[in-house]
Amino acid sequence: MAEKAMKIGIMSTEDYRRRTIAIAKGEYKPRKDEPKIWFESMESLGQLLSGQNQNLLRLIKNRNPASLTELESISGRKKSNLSRTLKTLSNYGIVDLIKEKGMVRPVVNATDFQVELSI
């Protein structure tokens, strides 16, 4: 089964602020197909989806670790670093962190991304 691509938008902070105010005032209603996640620049998106983080997402998807300790072991990255990275990815909805039996199990929600630029 093919994964649905997660839509990501790139928009300046000022344009995003104007958009948010227009939505709040009821002057603009976002389309269903619009991105839910927005970044200020391709650079900021690039930091989140760096090669290292893409490899981490692939590893989680393919190996399905039961905990951060297991992920630390198979990835070679320290748990504190993994925790910080996964929390950020979770904030964007790319990863879910499932708490089970006193452990945290990472689950990947998206590995395919479609970027929409607002220029």
N, C-alpha and C. Protein backbone atom coordinates (compact mmCIF):
# COMPACT_ATOMS: atom_id res chain seq x y z
N MET A 1 0.84 -1.18 0.00
CA MET A 1 0.00 0.00 0.00
C MET A 1 0.88 1.25 0.00
N ALA A 2 0.65 2.14 -0.93
CA ALA A 2 1.43 3.37 -1.02
C ALA A 2 0.99 4.36 0.06
N GLU A 3 1.97 5.01 0.66
CA GLU A 3 1.66 6.01 1.67
C GLU A 3 1.19 7.29 1.00
N LYS A 4 0.28 7.96 1.65
CA LYS A 4 -0.15 9.26 1.17
C LYS A 4 0.94 10.26 1.55
N ALA A 5 1.30 11.13 0.62
CA ALA A 5 2.35 12.12 0.89
C ALA A 5 1.84 13.17 1.87
N MET A 6 2.67 13.53 2.83
CA MET A 6 2.34 14.60 3.77
C MET A 6 2.65 15.92 3.07
N LYS A 7 1.67 16.81 3.07
CA LYS A 7 1.85 18.11 2.41
C LYS A 7 2.49 19.10 3.39
N ILE A 8 3.54 19.75 2.91
CA ILE A 8 4.28 20.73 3.69
C ILE A 8 4.32 22.02 2.89
N GLY A 9 4.07 23.14 3.55
CA GLY A 9 4.09 24.43 2.88
C GLY A 9 5.29 25.26 3.29
N ILE A 10 5.76 26.08 2.37
CA ILE A 10 6.83 27.03 2.64
C ILE A 10 6.24 28.42 2.43
N MET A 11 6.27 29.24 3.48
CA MET A 11 5.68 30.57 3.42
C MET A 11 6.43 31.48 4.39
N SER A 12 6.64 32.73 3.99
CA SER A 12 7.34 33.66 4.88
C SER A 12 6.56 33.83 6.18
N THR A 13 7.26 34.20 7.23
CA THR A 13 6.63 34.40 8.54
C THR A 13 5.53 35.45 8.45
N GLU A 14 5.81 36.52 7.72
CA GLU A 14 4.83 37.61 7.59
C GLU A 14 3.58 37.12 6.85
N ASP A 15 3.74 36.39 5.75
CA ASP A 15 2.59 35.86 5.02
C ASP A 15 1.81 34.86 5.86
N TYR A 16 2.53 34.04 6.63
CA TYR A 16 1.88 33.06 7.49
C TYR A 16 1.05 33.78 8.56
N ARG A 17 1.61 34.85 9.11
CA ARG A 17 0.90 35.64 10.12
C ARG A 17 -0.38 36.23 9.52
N ARG A 18 -0.27 36.81 8.33
CA ARG A 18 -1.45 37.38 7.65
C ARG A 18 -2.49 36.30 7.38
N ARG A 19 -2.04 35.15 6.94
CA ARG A 19 -2.95 34.02 6.66
C ARG A 19 -3.68 33.59 7.93
N THR A 20 -2.94 33.47 9.02
CA THR A 20 -3.53 33.04 10.28
C THR A 20 -4.58 34.04 10.77
N ILE A 21 -4.29 35.33 10.66
CA ILE A 21 -5.24 36.37 11.07
C ILE A 21 -6.49 36.31 10.18
N ALA A 22 -6.30 36.14 8.88
CA ALA A 22 -7.44 36.05 7.96
C ALA A 22 -8.32 34.85 8.29
N ILE A 23 -7.70 33.73 8.66
CA ILE A 23 -8.46 32.53 9.06
C ILE A 23 -9.25 32.84 10.33
N ALA A 24 -8.58 33.45 11.31
CA ALA A 24 -9.23 33.78 12.58
C ALA A 24 -10.42 34.73 12.39
N LYS A 25 -10.28 35.66 11.46
CA LYS A 25 -11.35 36.62 11.19
C LYS A 25 -12.45 36.04 10.30
N GLY A 26 -12.24 34.83 9.79
CA GLY A 26 -13.22 34.22 8.91
C GLY A 26 -13.14 34.74 7.48
N GLU A 27 -12.08 35.45 7.16
CA GLU A 27 -11.91 36.02 5.81
C GLU A 27 -11.31 35.00 4.83
N TYR A 28 -10.71 33.96 5.39
CA TYR A 28 -10.09 32.95 4.54
C TYR A 28 -10.34 31.58 5.14
N LYS A 29 -10.77 30.65 4.32
CA LYS A 29 -10.97 29.27 4.75
C LYS A 29 -9.98 28.40 3.99
N PRO A 30 -9.07 27.75 4.72
CA PRO A 30 -8.07 26.90 4.04
C PRO A 30 -8.75 25.77 3.25
N ARG A 31 -8.21 25.49 2.06
CA ARG A 31 -8.70 24.37 1.26
C ARG A 31 -8.30 23.06 1.95
N LYS A 32 -9.08 22.03 1.70
CA LYS A 32 -8.78 20.72 2.29
C LYS A 32 -7.42 20.19 1.87
N ASP A 33 -7.00 20.55 0.66
CA ASP A 33 -5.75 20.00 0.13
C ASP A 33 -4.53 20.87 0.48
N GLU A 34 -4.73 21.93 1.26
CA GLU A 34 -3.60 22.78 1.66
C GLU A 34 -2.74 22.08 2.71
N PRO A 35 -1.47 22.42 2.75
CA PRO A 35 -0.60 21.87 3.79
C PRO A 35 -1.11 22.24 5.19
N LYS A 36 -0.88 21.34 6.13
CA LYS A 36 -1.21 21.61 7.54
C LYS A 36 0.04 22.06 8.28
N ILE A 37 1.19 21.77 7.69
CA ILE A 37 2.48 22.08 8.30
C ILE A 37 3.16 23.12 7.43
N TRP A 38 3.65 24.18 8.07
CA TRP A 38 4.30 25.27 7.34
C TRP A 38 5.68 25.55 7.89
N PHE A 39 6.60 25.87 6.98
CA PHE A 39 7.96 26.28 7.34
C PHE A 39 8.23 27.64 6.73
N GLU A 40 9.14 28.37 7.34
CA GLU A 40 9.51 29.70 6.86
C GLU A 40 10.37 29.63 5.60
N SER A 41 11.15 28.56 5.47
CA SER A 41 12.07 28.46 4.34
C SER A 41 12.40 27.00 4.04
N MET A 42 12.96 26.80 2.86
CA MET A 42 13.43 25.46 2.51
C MET A 42 14.56 25.04 3.45
N GLU A 43 15.34 26.03 3.92
CA GLU A 43 16.44 25.71 4.86
C GLU A 43 15.89 25.12 6.16
N SER A 44 14.83 25.73 6.70
CA SER A 44 14.28 25.21 7.96
C SER A 44 13.66 23.83 7.76
N LEU A 45 13.02 23.61 6.61
CA LEU A 45 12.50 22.28 6.29
C LEU A 45 13.67 21.31 6.14
N GLY A 46 14.73 21.75 5.48
CA GLY A 46 15.91 20.92 5.28
C GLY A 46 16.56 20.48 6.58
N GLN A 47 16.52 21.34 7.58
CA GLN A 47 17.07 20.97 8.89
C GLN A 47 16.27 19.83 9.51
N LEU A 48 14.94 19.92 9.40
CA LEU A 48 14.08 18.88 9.98
C LEU A 48 14.22 17.57 9.21
N LEU A 49 14.25 17.66 7.90
CA LEU A 49 14.34 16.46 7.08
C LEU A 49 15.74 16.26 6.53
N SER A 50 16.72 16.46 7.41
CA SER A 50 18.12 16.25 7.04
C SER A 50 18.34 14.79 6.65
N GLY A 51 19.43 14.53 6.00
CA GLY A 51 19.77 13.16 5.62
C GLY A 51 19.77 12.23 6.83
N GLN A 52 20.33 12.70 7.93
CA GLN A 52 20.39 11.89 9.16
C GLN A 52 18.98 11.57 9.67
N ASN A 53 18.08 12.56 9.62
CA ASN A 53 16.72 12.32 10.09
C ASN A 53 15.93 11.45 9.12
N GLN A 54 16.20 11.58 7.82
CA GLN A 54 15.56 10.70 6.84
C GLN A 54 15.98 9.25 7.08
N ASN A 55 17.26 9.06 7.36
CA ASN A 55 17.75 7.71 7.67
C ASN A 55 17.09 7.17 8.92
N LEU A 56 16.90 8.03 9.92
CA LEU A 56 16.25 7.62 11.16
C LEU A 56 14.81 7.19 10.89
N LEU A 57 14.08 7.97 10.10
CA LEU A 57 12.70 7.62 9.76
C LEU A 57 12.64 6.28 9.04
N ARG A 58 13.56 6.08 8.09
CA ARG A 58 13.62 4.80 7.35
C ARG A 58 13.90 3.64 8.30
N LEU A 59 14.83 3.86 9.22
CA LEU A 59 15.20 2.82 10.19
C LEU A 59 14.01 2.45 11.07
N ILE A 60 13.29 3.46 11.56
CA ILE A 60 12.12 3.20 12.41
C ILE A 60 11.06 2.45 11.61
N LYS A 61 10.82 2.90 10.39
CA LYS A 61 9.80 2.26 9.55
C LYS A 61 10.15 0.81 9.24
N ASN A 62 11.41 0.56 8.90
CA ASN A 62 11.82 -0.78 8.49
C ASN A 62 12.05 -1.74 9.65
N ARG A 63 12.54 -1.24 10.77
CA ARG A 63 12.91 -2.11 11.90
C ARG A 63 11.88 -2.14 13.02
N ASN A 64 10.99 -1.13 13.04
CA ASN A 64 9.90 -1.08 14.01
C ASN A 64 10.36 -1.31 15.46
N PRO A 65 11.27 -0.47 15.97
CA PRO A 65 11.78 -0.67 17.34
C PRO A 65 10.67 -0.52 18.38
N ALA A 66 10.76 -1.32 19.43
CA ALA A 66 9.74 -1.31 20.49
C ALA A 66 9.97 -0.21 21.51
N SER A 67 11.17 0.41 21.49
CA SER A 67 11.47 1.44 22.48
C SER A 67 12.61 2.33 21.98
N LEU A 68 12.81 3.45 22.70
CA LEU A 68 13.94 4.33 22.37
C LEU A 68 15.26 3.64 22.65
N THR A 69 15.28 2.79 23.66
CA THR A 69 16.51 2.04 23.99
C THR A 69 16.89 1.13 22.82
N GLU A 70 15.90 0.44 22.25
CA GLU A 70 16.18 -0.41 21.09
C GLU A 70 16.61 0.44 19.90
N LEU A 71 15.96 1.59 19.70
CA LEU A 71 16.32 2.47 18.59
C LEU A 71 17.74 3.01 18.78
N GLU A 72 18.11 3.31 20.02
CA GLU A 72 19.47 3.77 20.32
C GLU A 72 20.48 2.69 19.89
N SER A 73 20.16 1.46 20.21
CA SER A 73 21.05 0.35 19.89
C SER A 73 21.20 0.15 18.38
N ILE A 74 20.11 0.19 17.63
CA ILE A 74 20.19 -0.08 16.19
C ILE A 74 20.62 1.13 15.37
N SER A 75 20.46 2.33 15.94
CA SER A 75 20.81 3.54 15.18
C SER A 75 22.22 4.04 15.47
N GLY A 76 22.73 3.70 16.67
CA GLY A 76 24.04 4.21 17.06
C GLY A 76 23.98 5.65 17.58
N ARG A 77 22.78 6.20 17.72
CA ARG A 77 22.61 7.56 18.24
C ARG A 77 22.23 7.49 19.72
N LYS A 78 22.69 8.46 20.49
CA LYS A 78 22.39 8.51 21.93
C LYS A 78 20.90 8.75 22.15
N LYS A 79 20.36 8.17 23.22
CA LYS A 79 18.94 8.29 23.51
C LYS A 79 18.51 9.74 23.68
N SER A 80 19.35 10.59 24.30
CA SER A 80 18.99 12.00 24.50
C SER A 80 18.85 12.71 23.15
N ASN A 81 19.74 12.40 22.22
CA ASN A 81 19.68 12.98 20.88
C ASN A 81 18.43 12.47 20.14
N LEU A 82 18.18 11.18 20.23
CA LEU A 82 16.99 10.59 19.59
C LEU A 82 15.72 11.21 20.15
N SER A 83 15.69 11.34 21.46
CA SER A 83 14.51 11.88 22.14
C SER A 83 14.18 13.28 21.64
N ARG A 84 15.19 14.11 21.55
CA ARG A 84 15.03 15.50 21.10
C ARG A 84 14.56 15.52 19.63
N THR A 85 15.21 14.74 18.78
CA THR A 85 14.86 14.68 17.36
C THR A 85 13.44 14.16 17.17
N LEU A 86 13.11 13.08 17.87
CA LEU A 86 11.78 12.48 17.72
C LEU A 86 10.68 13.40 18.24
N LYS A 87 10.97 14.16 19.30
CA LYS A 87 9.98 15.11 19.82
C LYS A 87 9.69 16.18 18.77
N THR A 88 10.73 16.67 18.12
CA THR A 88 10.54 17.66 17.06
C THR A 88 9.75 17.07 15.90
N LEU A 89 10.11 15.87 15.45
CA LEU A 89 9.38 15.22 14.37
C LEU A 89 7.93 14.95 14.77
N SER A 90 7.71 14.64 16.02
CA SER A 90 6.37 14.42 16.55
C SER A 90 5.54 15.70 16.54
N ASN A 91 6.18 16.83 16.88
CA ASN A 91 5.48 18.12 16.87
C ASN A 91 4.93 18.45 15.48
N TYR A 92 5.58 17.95 14.44
CA TYR A 92 5.14 18.18 13.07
C TYR A 92 4.23 17.07 12.55
N GLY A 93 3.97 16.05 13.38
CA GLY A 93 3.09 14.96 12.97
C GLY A 93 3.75 13.91 12.10
N ILE A 94 5.06 13.99 11.97
CA ILE A 94 5.78 13.03 11.13
C ILE A 94 5.97 11.70 11.86
N VAL A 95 6.07 11.77 13.18
CA VAL A 95 6.27 10.60 14.02
C VAL A 95 5.28 10.66 15.18
N ASP A 96 4.77 9.51 15.60
CA ASP A 96 4.00 9.42 16.84
C ASP A 96 4.89 8.74 17.87
N LEU A 97 4.80 9.21 19.11
CA LEU A 97 5.54 8.59 20.20
C LEU A 97 4.52 7.93 21.12
N ILE A 98 4.43 6.61 21.02
CA ILE A 98 3.43 5.83 21.73
C ILE A 98 4.01 5.36 23.06
N LYS A 99 3.35 5.74 24.17
CA LYS A 99 3.80 5.30 25.50
C LYS A 99 3.14 3.98 25.83
N GLU A 100 3.99 2.95 26.04
CA GLU A 100 3.52 1.60 26.36
C GLU A 100 4.44 0.97 27.40
N LYS A 101 3.85 0.43 28.43
CA LYS A 101 4.62 -0.34 29.44
C LYS A 101 5.85 0.41 29.92
N GLY A 102 5.70 1.70 30.19
CA GLY A 102 6.81 2.49 30.70
C GLY A 102 7.87 2.82 29.67
N MET A 103 7.61 2.52 28.41
CA MET A 103 8.56 2.82 27.35
C MET A 103 7.88 3.69 26.29
N VAL A 104 8.69 4.28 25.44
CA VAL A 104 8.18 5.08 24.32
C VAL A 104 8.56 4.38 23.03
N ARG A 105 7.53 4.10 22.21
CA ARG A 105 7.75 3.43 20.92
C ARG A 105 7.49 4.43 19.80
N PRO A 106 8.50 4.70 18.96
CA PRO A 106 8.31 5.62 17.85
C PRO A 106 7.61 4.92 16.68
N VAL A 107 6.67 5.64 16.06
CA VAL A 107 5.96 5.13 14.89
C VAL A 107 5.98 6.22 13.82
N VAL A 108 6.42 5.87 12.63
CA VAL A 108 6.52 6.83 11.54
C VAL A 108 5.16 6.99 10.86
N ASN A 109 4.73 8.24 10.71
CA ASN A 109 3.47 8.55 10.02
C ASN A 109 3.70 8.93 8.56
N ALA A 110 4.87 9.45 8.25
CA ALA A 110 5.12 9.92 6.89
C ALA A 110 6.57 9.74 6.49
N THR A 111 6.76 9.23 5.29
CA THR A 111 8.10 9.17 4.71
C THR A 111 8.09 9.79 3.31
N ASP A 112 6.90 10.13 2.83
CA ASP A 112 6.76 10.80 1.53
C ASP A 112 6.23 12.20 1.79
N PHE A 113 6.85 13.19 1.16
CA PHE A 113 6.48 14.58 1.41
C PHE A 113 6.27 15.31 0.10
N GLN A 114 5.26 16.17 0.08
CA GLN A 114 4.98 17.02 -1.07
C GLN A 114 5.09 18.46 -0.56
N VAL A 115 5.97 19.23 -1.18
CA VAL A 115 6.22 20.60 -0.73
C VAL A 115 5.52 21.59 -1.65
N GLU A 116 4.81 22.53 -1.03
CA GLU A 116 4.11 23.59 -1.76
C GLU A 116 4.74 24.93 -1.38
N LEU A 117 5.26 25.63 -2.37
CA LEU A 117 5.87 26.94 -2.12
C LEU A 117 4.86 28.05 -2.30
N SER A 118 4.88 28.99 -1.39
CA SER A 118 4.04 30.18 -1.52
C SER A 118 4.97 31.37 -1.71
N ILE A 119 5.08 31.85 -2.95
CA ILE A 119 6.02 32.92 -3.25
C ILE A 119 5.28 34.21 -3.54
